[in-house]
Amino acid sequence: MVATATICDRTAVGLPPDAVLADALLGRGLPPEAERHLAEAGLAYQRDDIAEQHLREAHALAPGHAAVLIGLYRFYFYKGRLVEALDVARVCLEKAAADNGLVTDWWQVRATDADFGSFDAPLPRFYLFTLKAYAYLQMRLGNLGEGRLGVEKLLELDPSDKIGAKVLLDVLERMGCSDED
């Protein structure tokens, strides 16, 4: 079972706020009932209606928790429900921006705004992976210009390309997409 310490409890025992947020990102702080619904969703994955209902219940119990949002995203993504996955990716992007103390508009984020260069920094990494998901989904849904902008922002924030954004750029270039598409 996942620990359910609150941010106040964790800070009181000497953990810095970044560690508290990283714990939440990794699943800590998830109410046990929401955790149960996530587990049930996984067990019922082949039955879309039941799995989705469990995910909705988990979301109702812990609407801003990264584990719930990631569960929703993955469900929609792997079920080919890309528009719904993109909606969840947008929520995740807002959450990741807030957790990192960044502006909400991803195109205004700068490489110096967070420790994007460290693969060991879970919150900036979550932001990068979320932006990558957003860009990828935009591409899959035919919004190639928006996808390209997201990929270019990723490479600006992570010039060493630890998360593999260049692969998406290569796909766009092989498709012959210009910046105006």
Protein backbone atom coordinates (compact mmCIF):
# COMPACT_ATOMS: atom_id res chain seq x y z
CA MET A 1 0.00 0.00 0.00
CA VAL A 2 1.23 3.50 -0.80
CA ALA A 3 1.95 5.91 2.06
CA THR A 4 -0.60 8.67 2.49
CA ALA A 5 1.40 11.32 4.34
CA THR A 6 0.33 14.85 3.58
CA ILE A 7 2.66 17.55 2.33
CA CYS A 8 2.57 19.16 5.78
CA ASP A 9 3.48 15.86 7.46
CA ARG A 10 6.39 15.21 5.09
CA THR A 11 7.73 18.76 5.39
CA ALA A 12 7.50 18.54 9.18
CA VAL A 13 9.88 15.58 9.21
CA GLY A 14 12.51 17.53 7.31
CA LEU A 15 11.88 16.65 3.69
CA PRO A 16 12.19 19.60 1.33
CA PRO A 17 9.06 20.55 -0.66
CA ASP A 18 10.66 19.20 -3.88
CA ALA A 19 11.00 15.78 -2.26
CA VAL A 20 7.39 15.94 -1.15
CA LEU A 21 6.23 16.73 -4.68
CA ALA A 22 8.46 14.01 -6.10
CA ASP A 23 6.87 11.54 -3.65
CA ALA A 24 3.42 12.57 -4.84
CA LEU A 25 4.52 12.22 -8.44
CA LEU A 26 5.63 8.68 -7.76
CA GLY A 27 2.34 7.72 -6.15
CA ARG A 28 2.67 8.73 -2.54
CA GLY A 29 -0.15 10.71 -1.07
CA LEU A 30 -2.72 8.83 -3.12
CA PRO A 31 -5.81 8.04 -1.02
CA PRO A 32 -6.12 4.26 -0.52
CA GLU A 33 -9.55 4.17 -2.17
CA ALA A 34 -8.18 5.94 -5.27
CA GLU A 35 -5.26 3.51 -5.30
CA ARG A 36 -7.73 0.62 -5.17
CA HIS A 37 -9.66 2.03 -8.12
CA LEU A 38 -6.44 2.36 -10.14
CA ALA A 39 -5.60 -1.26 -9.39
CA GLU A 40 -9.13 -2.37 -10.34
CA ALA A 41 -8.89 -0.39 -13.58
CA GLY A 42 -5.74 -2.29 -14.44
CA LEU A 43 -7.38 -5.62 -13.71
CA ALA A 44 -10.40 -4.69 -15.84
CA TYR A 45 -8.38 -3.22 -18.71
CA GLN A 46 -10.01 -5.46 -21.33
CA ARG A 47 -13.47 -4.27 -20.28
CA ASP A 48 -13.37 -0.63 -21.29
CA ASP A 49 -16.52 0.50 -19.49
CA ILE A 50 -15.49 -1.02 -16.15
CA ALA A 51 -11.86 0.11 -16.39
CA GLU A 52 -12.88 3.62 -17.32
CA GLN A 53 -15.40 3.78 -14.46
CA HIS A 54 -12.66 2.83 -11.98
CA LEU A 55 -10.41 5.51 -13.46
CA ARG A 56 -13.19 8.07 -13.12
CA GLU A 57 -13.71 7.04 -9.48
CA ALA A 58 -9.98 7.40 -8.79
CA HIS A 59 -10.06 10.80 -10.48
CA ALA A 60 -13.02 11.91 -8.36
CA LEU A 61 -11.11 10.93 -5.21
CA ALA A 62 -7.74 12.42 -6.25
CA PRO A 63 -8.31 14.72 -9.24
CA GLY A 64 -4.90 16.37 -9.25
CA HIS A 65 -2.76 13.37 -8.42
CA ALA A 66 -0.18 12.48 -11.05
CA ALA A 67 -0.73 8.73 -10.68
CA VAL A 68 -4.43 9.13 -11.51
CA LEU A 69 -3.75 11.47 -14.41
CA ILE A 70 -1.12 9.12 -15.81
CA GLY A 71 -3.55 6.22 -15.48
CA LEU A 72 -6.21 8.13 -17.40
CA TYR A 73 -3.72 9.20 -20.05
CA ARG A 74 -2.42 5.68 -20.60
CA PHE A 75 -5.90 4.21 -20.76
CA TYR A 76 -7.05 6.67 -23.41
CA PHE A 77 -3.77 6.46 -25.32
CA TYR A 78 -3.60 2.68 -25.51
CA LYS A 79 -7.29 2.43 -26.35
CA GLY A 80 -6.64 4.75 -29.31
CA ARG A 81 -8.78 7.51 -27.84
CA LEU A 82 -6.24 10.15 -28.74
CA VAL A 83 -8.42 13.24 -28.37
CA GLU A 84 -9.22 12.24 -24.79
CA ALA A 85 -5.55 11.39 -24.18
CA LEU A 86 -4.64 14.88 -25.43
CA ASP A 87 -7.15 16.43 -23.03
CA VAL A 88 -5.49 14.58 -20.14
CA ALA A 89 -2.02 15.54 -21.46
CA ARG A 90 -3.09 19.20 -21.29
CA VAL A 91 -4.17 18.77 -17.66
CA CYS A 92 -0.88 16.99 -16.89
CA LEU A 93 1.03 19.82 -18.55
CA GLU A 94 -0.74 22.38 -16.34
CA LYS A 95 -0.03 20.25 -13.26
CA ALA A 96 3.61 19.77 -14.21
CA ALA A 97 3.98 23.52 -14.77
CA ALA A 98 2.45 24.29 -11.37
CA ASP A 99 4.55 21.63 -9.61
CA ASN A 100 7.70 23.10 -11.16
CA GLY A 101 6.71 26.73 -10.51
CA LEU A 102 6.56 27.43 -14.25
CA VAL A 103 4.27 29.62 -16.28
CA THR A 104 1.23 27.80 -17.62
CA ASP A 105 2.00 28.56 -21.27
CA TRP A 106 4.61 25.97 -22.26
CA TRP A 107 5.96 28.06 -25.12
CA GLN A 108 7.06 30.69 -22.57
CA VAL A 109 9.08 28.25 -20.44
CA ARG A 110 12.86 28.69 -20.65
CA ALA A 111 15.61 26.15 -20.10
CA THR A 112 16.76 28.01 -16.99
CA ASP A 113 13.31 27.88 -15.35
CA ALA A 114 13.85 24.37 -13.93
CA ASP A 115 16.53 21.68 -13.75
CA PHE A 116 15.61 20.23 -17.12
CA GLY A 117 19.16 19.02 -17.73
CA SER A 118 19.09 16.54 -14.84
CA PHE A 119 17.44 13.24 -15.55
CA ASP A 120 17.47 12.70 -11.78
CA ALA A 121 15.08 15.64 -11.19
CA PRO A 122 11.64 13.97 -11.28
CA LEU A 123 9.48 17.08 -11.52
CA PRO A 124 11.28 18.69 -14.47
CA ARG A 125 11.45 15.25 -16.11
CA PHE A 126 7.68 14.83 -15.66
CA TYR A 127 7.23 18.21 -17.35
CA LEU A 128 9.41 17.18 -20.29
CA PHE A 129 7.70 13.82 -20.75
CA THR A 130 4.30 15.48 -20.53
CA LEU A 131 5.26 18.04 -23.18
CA LYS A 132 6.57 15.19 -25.33
CA ALA A 133 3.24 13.36 -25.01
CA TYR A 134 1.41 16.58 -25.91
CA ALA A 135 3.59 17.14 -29.00
CA TYR A 136 3.30 13.51 -30.10
CA LEU A 137 -0.48 13.50 -29.77
CA GLN A 138 -0.73 16.74 -31.71
CA MET A 139 1.25 15.08 -34.49
CA ARG A 140 -0.88 11.93 -34.42
CA LEU A 141 -4.04 14.01 -34.62
CA GLY A 142 -2.72 15.89 -37.66
CA ASN A 143 -1.82 19.12 -35.88
CA LEU A 144 1.72 18.99 -37.24
CA GLY A 145 2.58 22.64 -36.69
CA GLU A 146 1.62 22.49 -33.02
CA GLY A 147 3.46 19.19 -32.68
CA ARG A 148 6.58 20.70 -34.22
CA LEU A 149 6.44 23.68 -31.85
CA GLY A 150 6.22 21.30 -28.89
CA VAL A 151 9.16 19.24 -30.13
CA GLU A 152 11.25 22.35 -30.74
CA LYS A 153 10.46 23.57 -27.21
CA LEU A 154 11.51 20.18 -25.85
CA LEU A 155 14.85 20.41 -27.61
CA GLU A 156 15.31 23.95 -26.30
CA LEU A 157 14.61 22.81 -22.72
CA ASP A 158 16.55 19.56 -23.07
CA PRO A 159 19.29 20.17 -25.67
CA SER A 160 21.03 16.88 -24.79
CA ASP A 161 17.70 15.17 -25.71
CA LYS A 162 17.56 12.83 -22.73
CA ILE A 163 13.89 12.11 -23.42
CA GLY A 164 14.19 11.44 -27.15
CA ALA A 165 12.37 14.39 -28.70
CA LYS A 166 14.65 14.36 -31.73
CA VAL A 167 12.94 11.18 -32.89
CA LEU A 168 9.70 13.14 -33.25
CA LEU A 169 11.49 15.90 -35.11
CA ASP A 170 13.00 13.31 -37.45
CA VAL A 171 9.51 11.95 -38.16
CA LEU A 172 8.28 15.42 -39.01
CA GLU A 173 11.25 16.04 -41.29
CA ARG A 174 10.77 12.70 -43.08
CA MET A 175 7.17 13.71 -43.67
CA GLY A 176 8.43 16.86 -45.35
CA CYS A 177 6.63 19.14 -42.92
CA SER A 178 7.62 22.74 -43.01
CA ASP A 179 7.18 25.15 -40.12
CA GLU A 180 4.05 26.47 -41.84
CA ASP A 181 2.14 23.14 -41.74
